[in-house]
Amino acid sequence: MKNPLDFASVNKYYRMNDGQLEEEAHRWNIRSYGNSNGTIERQIIIDALLKKDSANNSRYAIIISVIAIFISIVSLIF
């Protein structure tokens, strides 16, 4: 059974096997993760996925901040 909190955990990428990491790389258009032996460089994919996750988190933080400011202004008016 899948842990429902996996989406919040950085370790989820480290627990993936090579096939799962390749699927995520294709899903998010991550390129240049292979080496000269024809195998994948796990750390390149994981680093790119972590950067993607942190970028998504900052977008949510901005939205939450704007909502908080709006609520504060409305509460001052009423």
N, C-alpha and C. Protein backbone atom coordinates (compact mmCIF):
# COMPACT_ATOMS: atom_id res chain seq x y z
N MET A 1 0.84 -1.19 0.00
CA MET A 1 0.00 0.00 0.00
C MET A 1 0.88 1.24 0.00
N LYS A 2 0.49 2.23 -0.77
CA LYS A 2 1.24 3.46 -0.90
C LYS A 2 1.00 4.37 0.30
N ASN A 3 2.06 5.01 0.74
CA ASN A 3 1.95 5.97 1.83
C ASN A 3 1.31 7.25 1.28
N PRO A 4 0.22 7.73 1.87
CA PRO A 4 -0.43 8.93 1.35
C PRO A 4 0.41 10.19 1.49
N LEU A 5 1.44 10.17 2.30
CA LEU A 5 2.28 11.35 2.47
C LEU A 5 3.53 11.31 1.62
N ASP A 6 3.62 10.38 0.68
CA ASP A 6 4.80 10.28 -0.19
C ASP A 6 5.03 11.54 -0.99
N PHE A 7 3.97 12.24 -1.37
CA PHE A 7 4.14 13.43 -2.19
C PHE A 7 4.91 14.50 -1.45
N ALA A 8 4.90 14.49 -0.15
CA ALA A 8 5.59 15.51 0.63
C ALA A 8 7.00 15.09 1.01
N SER A 9 7.38 13.91 0.66
CA SER A 9 8.67 13.38 1.09
C SER A 9 9.69 13.44 -0.03
N VAL A 10 10.86 13.96 0.29
CA VAL A 10 11.96 14.01 -0.69
C VAL A 10 12.44 12.61 -0.99
N ASN A 11 12.36 11.72 -0.03
CA ASN A 11 12.90 10.38 -0.20
C ASN A 11 12.16 9.54 -1.23
N LYS A 12 11.02 9.99 -1.70
CA LYS A 12 10.27 9.18 -2.66
C LYS A 12 11.07 8.95 -3.93
N TYR A 13 11.85 9.92 -4.34
CA TYR A 13 12.65 9.75 -5.56
C TYR A 13 13.79 8.76 -5.34
N TYR A 14 14.37 8.75 -4.16
CA TYR A 14 15.46 7.83 -3.88
C TYR A 14 14.96 6.39 -3.76
N ARG A 15 13.71 6.21 -3.42
CA ARG A 15 13.14 4.86 -3.30
C ARG A 15 12.71 4.29 -4.64
N MET A 16 12.61 5.12 -5.68
CA MET A 16 12.18 4.64 -6.99
C MET A 16 13.29 3.81 -7.65
N ASN A 17 12.86 2.82 -8.43
CA ASN A 17 13.86 2.08 -9.21
C ASN A 17 14.17 2.86 -10.49
N ASP A 18 15.12 2.37 -11.26
CA ASP A 18 15.55 3.10 -12.46
C ASP A 18 14.41 3.31 -13.45
N GLY A 19 13.57 2.31 -13.62
CA GLY A 19 12.44 2.43 -14.55
C GLY A 19 11.47 3.52 -14.13
N GLN A 20 11.16 3.57 -12.84
CA GLN A 20 10.25 4.60 -12.35
C GLN A 20 10.86 5.99 -12.50
N LEU A 21 12.16 6.11 -12.24
CA LEU A 21 12.81 7.40 -12.41
C LEU A 21 12.80 7.84 -13.86
N GLU A 22 13.01 6.90 -14.77
CA GLU A 22 12.96 7.24 -16.20
C GLU A 22 11.57 7.71 -16.61
N GLU A 23 10.54 7.06 -16.07
CA GLU A 23 9.16 7.48 -16.36
C GLU A 23 8.92 8.90 -15.88
N GLU A 24 9.39 9.22 -14.67
CA GLU A 24 9.24 10.58 -14.15
C GLU A 24 10.02 11.58 -15.00
N ALA A 25 11.21 11.18 -15.44
CA ALA A 25 12.02 12.07 -16.28
C ALA A 25 11.30 12.35 -17.60
N HIS A 26 10.71 11.34 -18.20
CA HIS A 26 9.95 11.55 -19.44
C HIS A 26 8.72 12.41 -19.18
N ARG A 27 8.06 12.16 -18.07
CA ARG A 27 6.84 12.91 -17.74
C ARG A 27 7.12 14.40 -17.61
N TRP A 28 8.27 14.75 -17.04
CA TRP A 28 8.60 16.15 -16.79
C TRP A 28 9.63 16.69 -17.77
N ASN A 29 9.84 15.97 -18.88
CA ASN A 29 10.75 16.41 -19.95
C ASN A 29 12.16 16.71 -19.45
N ILE A 30 12.66 15.83 -18.58
CA ILE A 30 14.03 15.94 -18.10
C ILE A 30 14.91 15.18 -19.08
N ARG A 31 15.95 15.83 -19.57
CA ARG A 31 16.80 15.21 -20.58
C ARG A 31 18.25 15.16 -20.10
N SER A 32 19.08 14.48 -20.87
CA SER A 32 20.52 14.37 -20.63
C SER A 32 20.84 13.70 -19.29
N TYR A 33 20.19 12.58 -19.04
CA TYR A 33 20.46 11.87 -17.79
C TYR A 33 21.15 10.53 -18.03
N GLY A 34 21.50 10.23 -19.27
CA GLY A 34 22.19 8.98 -19.56
C GLY A 34 23.70 9.17 -19.56
N ASN A 35 24.42 8.08 -19.36
CA ASN A 35 25.88 8.17 -19.45
C ASN A 35 26.36 7.38 -20.66
N SER A 36 27.66 7.30 -20.85
CA SER A 36 28.22 6.66 -22.04
C SER A 36 28.03 5.14 -22.05
N ASN A 37 27.70 4.57 -20.92
CA ASN A 37 27.45 3.12 -20.84
C ASN A 37 26.02 2.75 -21.20
N GLY A 38 25.19 3.73 -21.44
CA GLY A 38 23.80 3.47 -21.77
C GLY A 38 22.90 3.31 -20.55
N THR A 39 23.43 3.59 -19.37
CA THR A 39 22.62 3.53 -18.16
C THR A 39 22.27 4.95 -17.74
N ILE A 40 21.35 5.06 -16.79
CA ILE A 40 20.91 6.39 -16.37
C ILE A 40 21.72 6.84 -15.16
N GLU A 41 21.85 8.15 -15.04
CA GLU A 41 22.46 8.76 -13.86
C GLU A 41 21.32 9.17 -12.94
N ARG A 42 21.09 8.37 -11.92
CA ARG A 42 19.97 8.60 -11.02
C ARG A 42 20.00 10.00 -10.41
N GLN A 43 21.18 10.44 -9.99
CA GLN A 43 21.27 11.71 -9.27
C GLN A 43 20.88 12.89 -10.15
N ILE A 44 21.16 12.82 -11.44
CA ILE A 44 20.76 13.90 -12.35
C ILE A 44 19.24 14.02 -12.39
N ILE A 45 18.56 12.88 -12.50
CA ILE A 45 17.10 12.89 -12.53
C ILE A 45 16.54 13.37 -11.20
N ILE A 46 17.08 12.84 -10.11
CA ILE A 46 16.58 13.20 -8.77
C ILE A 46 16.78 14.69 -8.52
N ASP A 47 17.94 15.24 -8.86
CA ASP A 47 18.18 16.68 -8.67
C ASP A 47 17.18 17.51 -9.46
N ALA A 48 16.92 17.12 -10.71
CA ALA A 48 15.97 17.87 -11.54
C ALA A 48 14.55 17.78 -10.96
N LEU A 49 14.17 16.61 -10.46
CA LEU A 49 12.84 16.45 -9.87
C LEU A 49 12.70 17.27 -8.59
N LEU A 50 13.75 17.31 -7.79
CA LEU A 50 13.70 18.11 -6.56
C LEU A 50 13.61 19.60 -6.88
N LYS A 51 14.31 20.05 -7.91
CA LYS A 51 14.20 21.45 -8.34
C LYS A 51 12.77 21.76 -8.79
N LYS A 52 12.17 20.82 -9.52
CA LYS A 52 10.79 20.99 -9.98
C LYS A 52 9.86 21.10 -8.78
N ASP A 53 10.05 20.22 -7.80
CA ASP A 53 9.19 20.25 -6.61
C ASP A 53 9.34 21.55 -5.84
N SER A 54 10.55 22.04 -5.69
CA SER A 54 10.73 23.28 -4.93
C SER A 54 10.15 24.47 -5.69
N ALA A 55 10.21 24.45 -7.01
CA ALA A 55 9.60 25.51 -7.81
C ALA A 55 8.08 25.49 -7.64
N ASN A 56 7.50 24.30 -7.63
CA ASN A 56 6.05 24.19 -7.43
C ASN A 56 5.66 24.67 -6.04
N ASN A 57 6.46 24.39 -5.03
CA ASN A 57 6.15 24.81 -3.67
C ASN A 57 6.16 26.32 -3.54
N SER A 58 7.07 27.00 -4.22
CA SER A 58 7.13 28.45 -4.13
C SER A 58 5.90 29.09 -4.77
N ARG A 59 5.39 28.47 -5.82
CA ARG A 59 4.18 28.99 -6.46
C ARG A 59 3.01 28.93 -5.49
N TYR A 60 2.88 27.84 -4.74
CA TYR A 60 1.80 27.72 -3.78
C TYR A 60 1.97 28.71 -2.63
N ALA A 61 3.19 28.96 -2.23
CA ALA A 61 3.44 29.91 -1.15
C ALA A 61 2.99 31.31 -1.56
N ILE A 62 3.21 31.68 -2.80
CA ILE A 62 2.79 32.99 -3.29
C ILE A 62 1.27 33.09 -3.29
N ILE A 63 0.60 32.04 -3.74
CA ILE A 63 -0.86 32.04 -3.78
C ILE A 63 -1.43 32.15 -2.36
N ILE A 64 -0.86 31.40 -1.44
CA ILE A 64 -1.33 31.44 -0.05
C ILE A 64 -1.10 32.82 0.55
N SER A 65 0.02 33.45 0.24
CA SER A 65 0.31 34.79 0.75
C SER A 65 -0.68 35.81 0.23
N VAL A 66 -1.00 35.73 -1.05
CA VAL A 66 -1.96 36.66 -1.64
C VAL A 66 -3.34 36.48 -1.00
N ILE A 67 -3.74 35.25 -0.77
CA ILE A 67 -5.03 34.99 -0.13
C ILE A 67 -5.03 35.55 1.30
N ALA A 68 -3.93 35.38 2.01
CA ALA A 68 -3.85 35.90 3.38
C ALA A 68 -3.94 37.42 3.41
N ILE A 69 -3.28 38.07 2.47
CA ILE A 69 -3.35 39.53 2.40
C ILE A 69 -4.78 39.98 2.08
N PHE A 70 -5.42 39.30 1.15
CA PHE A 70 -6.79 39.64 0.80
C PHE A 70 -7.72 39.50 2.01
N ILE A 71 -7.58 38.41 2.74
CA ILE A 71 -8.41 38.19 3.93
C ILE A 71 -8.14 39.27 4.97
N SER A 72 -6.89 39.66 5.13
CA SER A 72 -6.55 40.71 6.10
C SER A 72 -7.19 42.04 5.72
N ILE A 73 -7.14 42.37 4.44
CA ILE A 73 -7.75 43.63 3.98
C ILE A 73 -9.26 43.60 4.18
N VAL A 74 -9.89 42.49 3.85
CA VAL A 74 -11.34 42.37 4.02
C VAL A 74 -11.70 42.49 5.49
N SER A 75 -10.92 41.87 6.37
CA SER A 75 -11.24 41.95 7.80
C SER A 75 -11.06 43.36 8.35
N LEU A 76 -10.15 44.14 7.79
CA LEU A 76 -9.98 45.53 8.21
C LEU A 76 -11.15 46.40 7.76
N ILE A 77 -11.70 46.09 6.60
CA ILE A 77 -12.81 46.87 6.06
C ILE A 77 -14.09 46.62 6.87
N PHE A 78 -14.32 45.38 7.24
CA PHE A 78 -15.58 45.04 7.93
C PHE A 78 -15.33 44.96 9.37
